[in-house]
Amino acid sequence: MKRTKRRYLALQVDSDVAPTPKEFIDAVWSAVTKLYGEYGASQTGLALIDYNEGEKKAVIRTALATVNMVRTALASITSVANKEAAVQVIAVSGTIKALYENLR
């Protein structure tokens, strides 16, 4: 069985109130499902790796083949937990270690 290649995305959440980690990942899953359906969402293998409520930053993991799908879905997010919000991708990397080094 072939190993799935993954990519890690560092995200910045722009909103007045910082959402909880559950509210944030629910909004991401909702956006992906809305654009690509349940089958497309299942292909992404999305996972929340790290979330900092104070800085409103998050790190998510996705499959390499679906990075562009996830980025498109993130751009379509207009609200998180019924509060206006936007999500920007800060960096993309193949390893968590390199991602955190790029963010310094």
PDB file of N, CA and C in Angstrom:
ATOM      1  N   MET A   1       0.831  -1.178   0.000  1.00  0.00           N
ATOM      2  CA  MET A   1       0.000   0.000   0.000  1.00  0.00           C
ATOM      3  C   MET A   1       0.879   1.246   0.000  1.00  0.00           C
ATOM      4  N   LYS A   2       0.531   2.193  -0.837  1.00  0.00           N
ATOM      5  CA  LYS A   2       1.329   3.400  -0.973  1.00  0.00           C
ATOM      6  C   LYS A   2       0.996   4.407   0.132  1.00  0.00           C
ATOM      7  N   ARG A   3       2.023   5.044   0.635  1.00  0.00           N
ATOM      8  CA  ARG A   3       1.865   6.037   1.688  1.00  0.00           C
ATOM      9  C   ARG A   3       1.315   7.337   1.102  1.00  0.00           C
ATOM     10  N   THR A   4       0.411   7.976   1.820  1.00  0.00           N
ATOM     11  CA  THR A   4      -0.183   9.234   1.383  1.00  0.00           C
ATOM     12  C   THR A   4       0.750  10.389   1.706  1.00  0.00           C
ATOM     13  N   LYS A   5       1.058  11.204   0.691  1.00  0.00           N
ATOM     14  CA  LYS A   5       1.872  12.394   0.938  1.00  0.00           C
ATOM     15  C   LYS A   5       0.967  13.474   1.513  1.00  0.00           C
ATOM     16  N   ARG A   6       1.496  14.200   2.465  1.00  0.00           N
ATOM     17  CA  ARG A   6       0.706  15.208   3.165  1.00  0.00           C
ATOM     18  C   ARG A   6       1.366  16.575   3.067  1.00  0.00           C
ATOM     19  N   ARG A   7       0.560  17.591   3.275  1.00  0.00           N
ATOM     20  CA  ARG A   7       1.043  18.956   3.357  1.00  0.00           C
ATOM     21  C   ARG A   7       0.423  19.604   4.584  1.00  0.00           C
ATOM     22  N   TYR A   8       1.169  20.523   5.172  1.00  0.00           N
ATOM     23  CA  TYR A   8       0.733  21.234   6.365  1.00  0.00           C
ATOM     24  C   TYR A   8       0.557  22.702   5.999  1.00  0.00           C
ATOM     25  N   LEU A   9      -0.580  23.279   6.383  1.00  0.00           N
ATOM     26  CA  LEU A   9      -0.891  24.657   6.073  1.00  0.00           C
ATOM     27  C   LEU A   9      -0.982  25.466   7.358  1.00  0.00           C
ATOM     28  N   ALA A  10      -0.252  26.581   7.406  1.00  0.00           N
ATOM     29  CA  ALA A  10      -0.353  27.516   8.516  1.00  0.00           C
ATOM     30  C   ALA A  10      -1.401  28.552   8.128  1.00  0.00           C
ATOM     31  N   LEU A  11      -2.348  28.797   9.018  1.00  0.00           N
ATOM     32  CA  LEU A  11      -3.476  29.671   8.715  1.00  0.00           C
ATOM     33  C   LEU A  11      -3.583  30.798   9.733  1.00  0.00           C
ATOM     34  N   GLN A  12      -4.078  31.940   9.271  1.00  0.00           N
ATOM     35  CA  GLN A  12      -4.377  33.080  10.132  1.00  0.00           C
ATOM     36  C   GLN A  12      -5.880  33.327  10.046  1.00  0.00           C
ATOM     37  N   VAL A  13      -6.542  33.395  11.194  1.00  0.00           N
ATOM     38  CA  VAL A  13      -7.981  33.650  11.240  1.00  0.00           C
ATOM     39  C   VAL A  13      -8.188  35.120  11.574  1.00  0.00           C
ATOM     40  N   ASP A  14      -8.872  35.839  10.681  1.00  0.00           N
ATOM     41  CA  ASP A  14      -9.170  37.250  10.917  1.00  0.00           C
ATOM     42  C   ASP A  14     -10.616  37.380  11.359  1.00  0.00           C
ATOM     43  N   SER A  15     -10.798  37.661  12.657  1.00  0.00           N
ATOM     44  CA  SER A  15     -12.142  37.877  13.205  1.00  0.00           C
ATOM     45  C   SER A  15     -12.011  38.685  14.489  1.00  0.00           C
ATOM     46  N   ASP A  16     -13.123  39.264  14.901  1.00  0.00           N
ATOM     47  CA  ASP A  16     -13.111  40.057  16.133  1.00  0.00           C
ATOM     48  C   ASP A  16     -12.956  39.185  17.362  1.00  0.00           C
ATOM     49  N   VAL A  17     -13.625  38.028  17.338  1.00  0.00           N
ATOM     50  CA  VAL A  17     -13.581  37.103  18.468  1.00  0.00           C
ATOM     51  C   VAL A  17     -12.902  35.817  18.003  1.00  0.00           C
ATOM     52  N   ALA A  18     -11.961  35.328  18.791  1.00  0.00           N
ATOM     53  CA  ALA A  18     -11.250  34.101  18.427  1.00  0.00           C
ATOM     54  C   ALA A  18     -12.172  32.899  18.591  1.00  0.00           C
ATOM     55  N   PRO A  19     -12.365  32.122  17.516  1.00  0.00           N
ATOM     56  CA  PRO A  19     -13.197  30.915  17.645  1.00  0.00           C
ATOM     57  C   PRO A  19     -12.461  29.823  18.415  1.00  0.00           C
ATOM     58  N   THR A  20     -13.213  28.896  18.964  1.00  0.00           N
ATOM     59  CA  THR A  20     -12.602  27.749  19.634  1.00  0.00           C
ATOM     60  C   THR A  20     -12.059  26.808  18.550  1.00  0.00           C
ATOM     61  N   PRO A  21     -11.174  25.897  18.904  1.00  0.00           N
ATOM     62  CA  PRO A  21     -10.663  24.948  17.905  1.00  0.00           C
ATOM     63  C   PRO A  21     -11.772  24.149  17.225  1.00  0.00           C
ATOM     64  N   LYS A  22     -12.784  23.719  17.984  1.00  0.00           N
ATOM     65  CA  LYS A  22     -13.885  22.950  17.390  1.00  0.00           C
ATOM     66  C   LYS A  22     -14.688  23.800  16.411  1.00  0.00           C
ATOM     67  N   GLU A  23     -14.982  25.043  16.777  1.00  0.00           N
ATOM     68  CA  GLU A  23     -15.714  25.928  15.871  1.00  0.00           C
ATOM     69  C   GLU A  23     -14.928  26.156  14.583  1.00  0.00           C
ATOM     70  N   PHE A  24     -13.621  26.305  14.704  1.00  0.00           N
ATOM     71  CA  PHE A  24     -12.788  26.562  13.535  1.00  0.00           C
ATOM     72  C   PHE A  24     -12.758  25.361  12.586  1.00  0.00           C
ATOM     73  N   ILE A  25     -12.463  24.181  13.102  1.00  0.00           N
ATOM     74  CA  ILE A  25     -12.367  23.010  12.223  1.00  0.00           C
ATOM     75  C   ILE A  25     -13.736  22.649  11.651  1.00  0.00           C
ATOM     76  N   ASP A  26     -14.811  22.903  12.401  1.00  0.00           N
ATOM     77  CA  ASP A  26     -16.157  22.686  11.865  1.00  0.00           C
ATOM     78  C   ASP A  26     -16.424  23.604  10.676  1.00  0.00           C
ATOM     79  N   ALA A  27     -15.961  24.848  10.761  1.00  0.00           N
ATOM     80  CA  ALA A  27     -16.139  25.797   9.658  1.00  0.00           C
ATOM     81  C   ALA A  27     -15.339  25.361   8.434  1.00  0.00           C
ATOM     82  N   VAL A  28     -14.135  24.838   8.651  1.00  0.00           N
ATOM     83  CA  VAL A  28     -13.304  24.366   7.533  1.00  0.00           C
ATOM     84  C   VAL A  28     -13.965  23.162   6.868  1.00  0.00           C
ATOM     85  N   TRP A  29     -14.392  22.186   7.676  1.00  0.00           N
ATOM     86  CA  TRP A  29     -15.060  21.008   7.113  1.00  0.00           C
ATOM     87  C   TRP A  29     -16.332  21.409   6.364  1.00  0.00           C
ATOM     88  N   SER A  30     -17.075  22.341   6.918  1.00  0.00           N
ATOM     89  CA  SER A  30     -18.304  22.801   6.277  1.00  0.00           C
ATOM     90  C   SER A  30     -18.021  23.435   4.920  1.00  0.00           C
ATOM     91  N   ALA A  31     -16.980  24.246   4.840  1.00  0.00           N
ATOM     92  CA  ALA A  31     -16.623  24.900   3.576  1.00  0.00           C
ATOM     93  C   ALA A  31     -16.194  23.882   2.530  1.00  0.00           C
ATOM     94  N   VAL A  32     -15.381  22.904   2.931  1.00  0.00           N
ATOM     95  CA  VAL A  32     -14.930  21.877   1.990  1.00  0.00           C
ATOM     96  C   VAL A  32     -16.115  21.038   1.515  1.00  0.00           C
ATOM     97  N   THR A  33     -16.989  20.666   2.433  1.00  0.00           N
ATOM     98  CA  THR A  33     -18.157  19.857   2.075  1.00  0.00           C
ATOM     99  C   THR A  33     -19.103  20.629   1.162  1.00  0.00           C
ATOM    100  N   LYS A  34     -19.275  21.920   1.434  1.00  0.00           N
ATOM    101  CA  LYS A  34     -20.174  22.733   0.624  1.00  0.00           C
ATOM    102  C   LYS A  34     -19.672  22.837  -0.818  1.00  0.00           C
ATOM    103  N   LEU A  35     -18.364  22.973  -0.998  1.00  0.00           N
ATOM    104  CA  LEU A  35     -17.802  23.122  -2.342  1.00  0.00           C
ATOM    105  C   LEU A  35     -17.639  21.801  -3.089  1.00  0.00           C
ATOM    106  N   TYR A  36     -17.219  20.742  -2.385  1.00  0.00           N
ATOM    107  CA  TYR A  36     -16.837  19.507  -3.055  1.00  0.00           C
ATOM    108  C   TYR A  36     -17.669  18.283  -2.668  1.00  0.00           C
ATOM    109  N   GLY A  37     -18.628  18.452  -1.776  1.00  0.00           N
ATOM    110  CA  GLY A  37     -19.454  17.333  -1.359  1.00  0.00           C
ATOM    111  C   GLY A  37     -18.729  16.440  -0.370  1.00  0.00           C
ATOM    112  N   GLU A  38     -19.422  15.437   0.094  1.00  0.00           N
ATOM    113  CA  GLU A  38     -18.846  14.544   1.090  1.00  0.00           C
ATOM    114  C   GLU A  38     -17.713  13.702   0.518  1.00  0.00           C
ATOM    115  N   TYR A  39     -17.851  13.293  -0.741  1.00  0.00           N
ATOM    116  CA  TYR A  39     -16.780  12.492  -1.347  1.00  0.00           C
ATOM    117  C   TYR A  39     -15.494  13.317  -1.464  1.00  0.00           C
ATOM    118  N   GLY A  40     -15.609  14.542  -1.944  1.00  0.00           N
ATOM    119  CA  GLY A  40     -14.437  15.411  -2.059  1.00  0.00           C
ATOM    120  C   GLY A  40     -13.817  15.707  -0.708  1.00  0.00           C
ATOM    121  N   ALA A  41     -14.663  15.935   0.299  1.00  0.00           N
ATOM    122  CA  ALA A  41     -14.163  16.208   1.644  1.00  0.00           C
ATOM    123  C   ALA A  41     -13.431  15.000   2.211  1.00  0.00           C
ATOM    124  N   SER A  42     -13.925  13.806   1.894  1.00  0.00           N
ATOM    125  CA  SER A  42     -13.270  12.600   2.413  1.00  0.00           C
ATOM    126  C   SER A  42     -11.892  12.393   1.791  1.00  0.00           C
ATOM    127  N   GLN A  43     -11.672  12.916   0.600  1.00  0.00           N
ATOM    128  CA  GLN A  43     -10.375  12.774  -0.060  1.00  0.00           C
ATOM    129  C   GLN A  43      -9.302  13.660   0.568  1.00  0.00           C
ATOM    130  N   THR A  44      -9.708  14.729   1.250  1.00  0.00           N
ATOM    131  CA  THR A  44      -8.745  15.689   1.785  1.00  0.00           C
ATOM    132  C   THR A  44      -7.964  15.159   2.981  1.00  0.00           C
ATOM    133  N   GLY A  45      -8.583  14.342   3.812  1.00  0.00           N
ATOM    134  CA  GLY A  45      -7.909  13.851   5.014  1.00  0.00           C
ATOM    135  C   GLY A  45      -7.565  14.974   5.974  1.00  0.00           C
ATOM    136  N   LEU A  46      -8.431  15.972   6.073  1.00  0.00           N
ATOM    137  CA  LEU A  46      -8.184  17.131   6.922  1.00  0.00           C
ATOM    138  C   LEU A  46      -8.018  16.760   8.387  1.00  0.00           C
ATOM    139  N   ALA A  47      -7.086  17.438   9.041  1.00  0.00           N
ATOM    140  CA  ALA A  47      -6.891  17.264  10.485  1.00  0.00           C
ATOM    141  C   ALA A  47      -6.339  18.562  11.060  1.00  0.00           C
ATOM    142  N   LEU A  48      -6.858  18.956  12.200  1.00  0.00           N
ATOM    143  CA  LEU A  48      -6.343  20.129  12.907  1.00  0.00           C
ATOM    144  C   LEU A  48      -5.149  19.680  13.741  1.00  0.00           C
ATOM    145  N   ILE A  49      -3.987  20.221  13.452  1.00  0.00           N
ATOM    146  CA  ILE A  49      -2.757  19.836  14.147  1.00  0.00           C
ATOM    147  C   ILE A  49      -2.503  20.735  15.352  1.00  0.00           C
ATOM    148  N   ASP A  50      -2.650  22.044  15.167  1.00  0.00           N
ATOM    149  CA  ASP A  50      -2.355  22.998  16.225  1.00  0.00           C
ATOM    150  C   ASP A  50      -3.281  24.196  16.076  1.00  0.00           C
ATOM    151  N   TYR A  51      -3.695  24.772  17.208  1.00  0.00           N
ATOM    152  CA  TYR A  51      -4.545  25.959  17.167  1.00  0.00           C
ATOM    153  C   TYR A  51      -4.189  26.846  18.341  1.00  0.00           C
ATOM    154  N   ASN A  52      -3.905  28.115  18.069  1.00  0.00           N
ATOM    155  CA  ASN A  52      -3.556  29.079  19.098  1.00  0.00           C
ATOM    156  C   ASN A  52      -4.648  30.143  19.130  1.00  0.00           C
ATOM    157  N   GLU A  53      -5.503  30.098  20.137  1.00  0.00           N
ATOM    158  CA  GLU A  53      -6.618  31.049  20.216  1.00  0.00           C
ATOM    159  C   GLU A  53      -6.135  32.477  20.435  1.00  0.00           C
ATOM    160  N   GLY A  54      -5.050  32.648  21.168  1.00  0.00           N
ATOM    161  CA  GLY A  54      -4.539  33.991  21.443  1.00  0.00           C
ATOM    162  C   GLY A  54      -4.065  34.701  20.181  1.00  0.00           C
ATOM    163  N   GLU A  55      -3.321  34.001  19.352  1.00  0.00           N
ATOM    164  CA  GLU A  55      -2.794  34.590  18.115  1.00  0.00           C
ATOM    165  C   GLU A  55      -3.720  34.361  16.929  1.00  0.00           C
ATOM    166  N   LYS A  56      -4.773  33.562  17.126  1.00  0.00           N
ATOM    167  CA  LYS A  56      -5.719  33.202  16.057  1.00  0.00           C
ATOM    168  C   LYS A  56      -4.994  32.544  14.878  1.00  0.00           C
ATOM    169  N   LYS A  57      -4.090  31.628  15.195  1.00  0.00           N
ATOM    170  CA  LYS A  57      -3.353  30.895  14.166  1.00  0.00           C
ATOM    171  C   LYS A  57      -3.635  29.407  14.307  1.00  0.00           C
ATOM    172  N   ALA A  58      -3.619  28.726  13.160  1.00  0.00           N
ATOM    173  CA  ALA A  58      -3.900  27.292  13.154  1.00  0.00           C
ATOM    174  C   ALA A  58      -2.976  26.598  12.175  1.00  0.00           C
ATOM    175  N   VAL A  59      -2.757  25.305  12.406  1.00  0.00           N
ATOM    176  CA  VAL A  59      -2.035  24.449  11.468  1.00  0.00           C
ATOM    177  C   VAL A  59      -2.934  23.267  11.174  1.00  0.00           C
ATOM    178  N   ILE A  60      -3.179  23.030   9.878  1.00  0.00           N
ATOM    179  CA  ILE A  60      -3.978  21.882   9.481  1.00  0.00           C
ATOM    180  C   ILE A  60      -3.169  21.000   8.548  1.00  0.00           C
ATOM    181  N   ARG A  61      -3.551  19.726   8.486  1.00  0.00           N
ATOM    182  CA  ARG A  61      -2.900  18.756   7.606  1.00  0.00           C
ATOM    183  C   ARG A  61      -3.898  18.327   6.540  1.00  0.00           C
ATOM    184  N   THR A  62      -3.403  18.164   5.306  1.00  0.00           N
ATOM    185  CA  THR A  62      -4.244  17.672   4.219  1.00  0.00           C
ATOM    186  C   THR A  62      -3.394  16.827   3.284  1.00  0.00           C
ATOM    187  N   ALA A  63      -4.048  16.100   2.411  1.00  0.00           N
ATOM    188  CA  ALA A  63      -3.348  15.288   1.417  1.00  0.00           C
ATOM    189  C   ALA A  63      -2.758  16.204   0.347  1.00  0.00           C
ATOM    190  N   LEU A  64      -1.609  15.837  -0.189  1.00  0.00           N
ATOM    191  CA  LEU A  64      -0.935  16.636  -1.214  1.00  0.00           C
ATOM    192  C   LEU A  64      -1.840  16.873  -2.418  1.00  0.00           C
ATOM    193  N   ALA A  65      -2.569  15.865  -2.842  1.00  0.00           N
ATOM    194  CA  ALA A  65      -3.413  15.970  -4.032  1.00  0.00           C
ATOM    195  C   ALA A  65      -4.572  16.947  -3.852  1.00  0.00           C
ATOM    196  N   THR A  66      -4.910  17.286  -2.614  1.00  0.00           N
ATOM    197  CA  THR A  66      -6.076  18.138  -2.373  1.00  0.00           C
ATOM    198  C   THR A  66      -5.726  19.499  -1.782  1.00  0.00           C
ATOM    199  N   VAL A  67      -4.460  19.895  -1.825  1.00  0.00           N
ATOM    200  CA  VAL A  67      -4.060  21.183  -1.251  1.00  0.00           C
ATOM    201  C   VAL A  67      -4.824  22.332  -1.903  1.00  0.00           C
ATOM    202  N   ASN A  68      -4.930  22.334  -3.223  1.00  0.00           N
ATOM    203  CA  ASN A  68      -5.629  23.424  -3.900  1.00  0.00           C
ATOM    204  C   ASN A  68      -7.120  23.435  -3.573  1.00  0.00           C
ATOM    205  N   MET A  69      -7.717  22.259  -3.409  1.00  0.00           N
ATOM    206  CA  MET A  69      -9.120  22.192  -3.010  1.00  0.00           C
ATOM    207  C   MET A  69      -9.318  22.825  -1.637  1.00  0.00           C
ATOM    208  N   VAL A  70      -8.437  22.495  -0.714  1.00  0.00           N
ATOM    209  CA  VAL A  70      -8.549  23.012   0.653  1.00  0.00           C
ATOM    210  C   VAL A  70      -8.319  24.519   0.668  1.00  0.00           C
ATOM    211  N   ARG A  71      -7.341  24.990  -0.101  1.00  0.00           N
ATOM    212  CA  ARG A  71      -7.073  26.434  -0.155  1.00  0.00           C
ATOM    213  C   ARG A  71      -8.278  27.193  -0.704  1.00  0.00           C
ATOM    214  N   THR A  72      -8.924  26.635  -1.709  1.00  0.00           N
ATOM    215  CA  THR A  72     -10.119  27.252  -2.273  1.00  0.00           C
ATOM    216  C   THR A  72     -11.238  27.297  -1.245  1.00  0.00           C
ATOM    217  N   ALA A  73     -11.424  26.205  -0.524  1.00  0.00           N
ATOM    218  CA  ALA A  73     -12.460  26.155   0.499  1.00  0.00           C
ATOM    219  C   ALA A  73     -12.174  27.154   1.622  1.00  0.00           C
ATOM    220  N   LEU A  74     -10.908  27.289   2.001  1.00  0.00           N
ATOM    221  CA  LEU A  74     -10.547  28.239   3.054  1.00  0.00           C
ATOM    222  C   LEU A  74     -10.852  29.670   2.624  1.00  0.00           C
ATOM    223  N   ALA A  75     -10.624  29.977   1.358  1.00  0.00           N
ATOM    224  CA  ALA A  75     -10.902  31.319   0.845  1.00  0.00           C
ATOM    225  C   ALA A  75     -12.396  31.623   0.835  1.00  0.00           C
ATOM    226  N   SER A  76     -13.215  30.582   0.792  1.00  0.00           N
ATOM    227  CA  SER A  76     -14.658  30.789   0.744  1.00  0.00           C
ATOM    228  C   SER A  76     -15.288  30.970   2.125  1.00  0.00           C
ATOM    229  N   ILE A  77     -14.522  30.816   3.184  1.00  0.00           N
ATOM    230  CA  ILE A  77     -15.066  30.965   4.541  1.00  0.00           C
ATOM    231  C   ILE A  77     -15.320  32.442   4.826  1.00  0.00           C
ATOM    232  N   THR A  78     -16.571  32.753   5.190  1.00  0.00           N
ATOM    233  CA  THR A  78     -16.940  34.131   5.528  1.00  0.00           C
ATOM    234  C   THR A  78     -17.365  34.276   6.986  1.00  0.00           C
ATOM    235  N   SER A  79     -17.657  33.150   7.635  1.00  0.00           N
ATOM    236  CA  SER A  79     -18.033  33.221   9.048  1.00  0.00           C
ATOM    237  C   SER A  79     -17.618  31.941   9.758  1.00  0.00           C
ATOM    238  N   VAL A  80     -17.280  32.111  11.023  1.00  0.00           N
ATOM    239  CA  VAL A  80     -16.945  30.987  11.891  1.00  0.00           C
ATOM    240  C   VAL A  80     -17.794  31.155  13.146  1.00  0.00           C
ATOM    241  N   ALA A  81     -18.614  30.166  13.439  1.00  0.00           N
ATOM    242  CA  ALA A  81     -19.503  30.191  14.603  1.00  0.00           C
ATOM    243  C   ALA A  81     -20.417  31.416  14.563  1.00  0.00           C
ATOM    244  N   ASN A  82     -20.982  31.695  13.400  1.00  0.00           N
ATOM    245  CA  ASN A  82     -21.913  32.808  13.192  1.00  0.00           C
ATOM    246  C   ASN A  82     -21.305  34.173  13.477  1.00  0.00           C
ATOM    247  N   LYS A  83     -20.000  34.287  13.376  1.00  0.00           N
ATOM    248  CA  LYS A  83     -19.305  35.568  13.514  1.00  0.00           C
ATOM    249  C   LYS A  83     -18.476  35.775  12.254  1.00  0.00           C
ATOM    250  N   GLU A  84     -18.452  37.003  11.744  1.00  0.00           N
ATOM    251  CA  GLU A  84     -17.700  37.287  10.528  1.00  0.00           C
ATOM    252  C   GLU A  84     -16.243  36.899  10.721  1.00  0.00           C
ATOM    253  N   ALA A  85     -15.690  36.240   9.697  1.00  0.00           N
ATOM    254  CA  ALA A  85     -14.296  35.809   9.777  1.00  0.00           C
ATOM    255  C   ALA A  85     -13.763  35.547   8.380  1.00  0.00           C
ATOM    256  N   ALA A  86     -12.462  35.582   8.263  1.00  0.00           N
ATOM    257  CA  ALA A  86     -11.777  35.222   7.029  1.00  0.00           C
ATOM    258  C   ALA A  86     -10.549  34.409   7.417  1.00  0.00           C
ATOM    259  N   VAL A  87     -10.141  33.523   6.532  1.00  0.00           N
ATOM    260  CA  VAL A  87      -8.986  32.666   6.810  1.00  0.00           C
ATOM    261  C   VAL A  87      -7.975  32.834   5.688  1.00  0.00           C
ATOM    262  N   GLN A  88      -6.737  33.161   6.039  1.00  0.00           N
ATOM    263  CA  GLN A  88      -5.661  33.285   5.059  1.00  0.00           C
ATOM    264  C   GLN A  88      -4.618  32.205   5.289  1.00  0.00           C
ATOM    265  N   VAL A  89      -4.057  31.714   4.196  1.00  0.00           N
ATOM    266  CA  VAL A  89      -2.971  30.744   4.270  1.00  0.00           C
ATOM    267  C   VAL A  89      -1.665  31.525   4.376  1.00  0.00           C
ATOM    268  N   ILE A  90      -0.911  31.270   5.434  1.00  0.00           N
ATOM    269  CA  ILE A  90       0.363  31.951   5.651  1.00  0.00           C
ATOM    270  C   ILE A  90       1.492  31.196   4.969  1.00  0.00           C
ATOM    271  N   ALA A  91       1.505  29.875   5.132  1.00  0.00           N
ATOM    272  CA  ALA A  91       2.584  29.054   4.584  1.00  0.00           C
ATOM    273  C   ALA A  91       2.101  27.629   4.370  1.00  0.00           C
ATOM    274  N   VAL A  92       2.769  26.931   3.449  1.00  0.00           N
ATOM    275  CA  VAL A  92       2.497  25.521   3.168  1.00  0.00           C
ATOM    276  C   VAL A  92       3.832  24.796   3.193  1.00  0.00           C
ATOM    277  N   SER A  93       3.857  23.608   3.818  1.00  0.00           N
ATOM    278  CA  SER A  93       5.099  22.856   3.902  1.00  0.00           C
ATOM    279  C   SER A  93       4.814  21.363   3.929  1.00  0.00           C
ATOM    280  N   GLY A  94       5.842  20.581   3.638  1.00  0.00           N
ATOM    281  CA  GLY A  94       5.726  19.134   3.649  1.00  0.00           C
ATOM    282  C   GLY A  94       5.945  18.527   5.021  1.00  0.00           C
ATOM    283  N   THR A  95       6.558  19.283   5.929  1.00  0.00           N
ATOM    284  CA  THR A  95       6.772  18.792   7.289  1.00  0.00           C
ATOM    285  C   THR A  95       6.387  19.876   8.292  1.00  0.00           C
ATOM    286  N   ILE A  96       5.981  19.456   9.467  1.00  0.00           N
ATOM    287  CA  ILE A  96       5.609  20.407  10.511  1.00  0.00           C
ATOM    288  C   ILE A  96       6.835  21.209  10.946  1.00  0.00           C
ATOM    289  N   LYS A  97       7.963  20.546  11.054  1.00  0.00           N
ATOM    290  CA  LYS A  97       9.192  21.206  11.488  1.00  0.00           C
ATOM    291  C   LYS A  97       9.558  22.354  10.552  1.00  0.00           C
ATOM    292  N   ALA A  98       9.539  22.103   9.255  1.00  0.00           N
ATOM    293  CA  ALA A  98       9.876  23.149   8.284  1.00  0.00           C
ATOM    294  C   ALA A  98       8.842  24.266   8.300  1.00  0.00           C
ATOM    295  N   LEU A  99       7.591  23.916   8.539  1.00  0.00           N
ATOM    296  CA  LEU A  99       6.539  24.932   8.592  1.00  0.00           C
ATOM    297  C   LEU A  99       6.789  25.903   9.732  1.00  0.00           C
ATOM    298  N   TYR A 100       7.093  25.384  10.916  1.00  0.00           N
ATOM    299  CA  TYR A 100       7.356  26.259  12.063  1.00  0.00           C
ATOM    300  C   TYR A 100       8.638  27.071  11.870  1.00  0.00           C
ATOM    301  N   GLU A 101       9.631  26.500  11.194  1.00  0.00           N
ATOM    302  CA  GLU A 101      10.858  27.264  10.909  1.00  0.00           C
ATOM    303  C   GLU A 101      10.574  28.420   9.961  1.00  0.00           C
ATOM    304  N   ASN A 102       9.705  28.212   8.967  1.00  0.00           N
ATOM    305  CA  ASN A 102       9.347  29.277   8.032  1.00  0.00           C
ATOM    306  C   ASN A 102       8.551  30.385   8.697  1.00  0.00           C
ATOM    307  N   LEU A 103       7.824  30.069   9.752  1.00  0.00           N
ATOM    308  CA  LEU A 103       6.998  31.059  10.424  1.00  0.00           C
ATOM    309  C   LEU A 103       7.794  31.958  11.352  1.00  0.00           C
ATOM    310  N   ARG A 104       9.008  31.595  11.674  1.00  0.00           N
ATOM    311  CA  ARG A 104       9.818  32.425  12.585  1.00  0.00           C
ATOM    312  C   ARG A 104      10.288  33.675  11.915  1.00  0.00           C
TER     313      ARG A 104
END
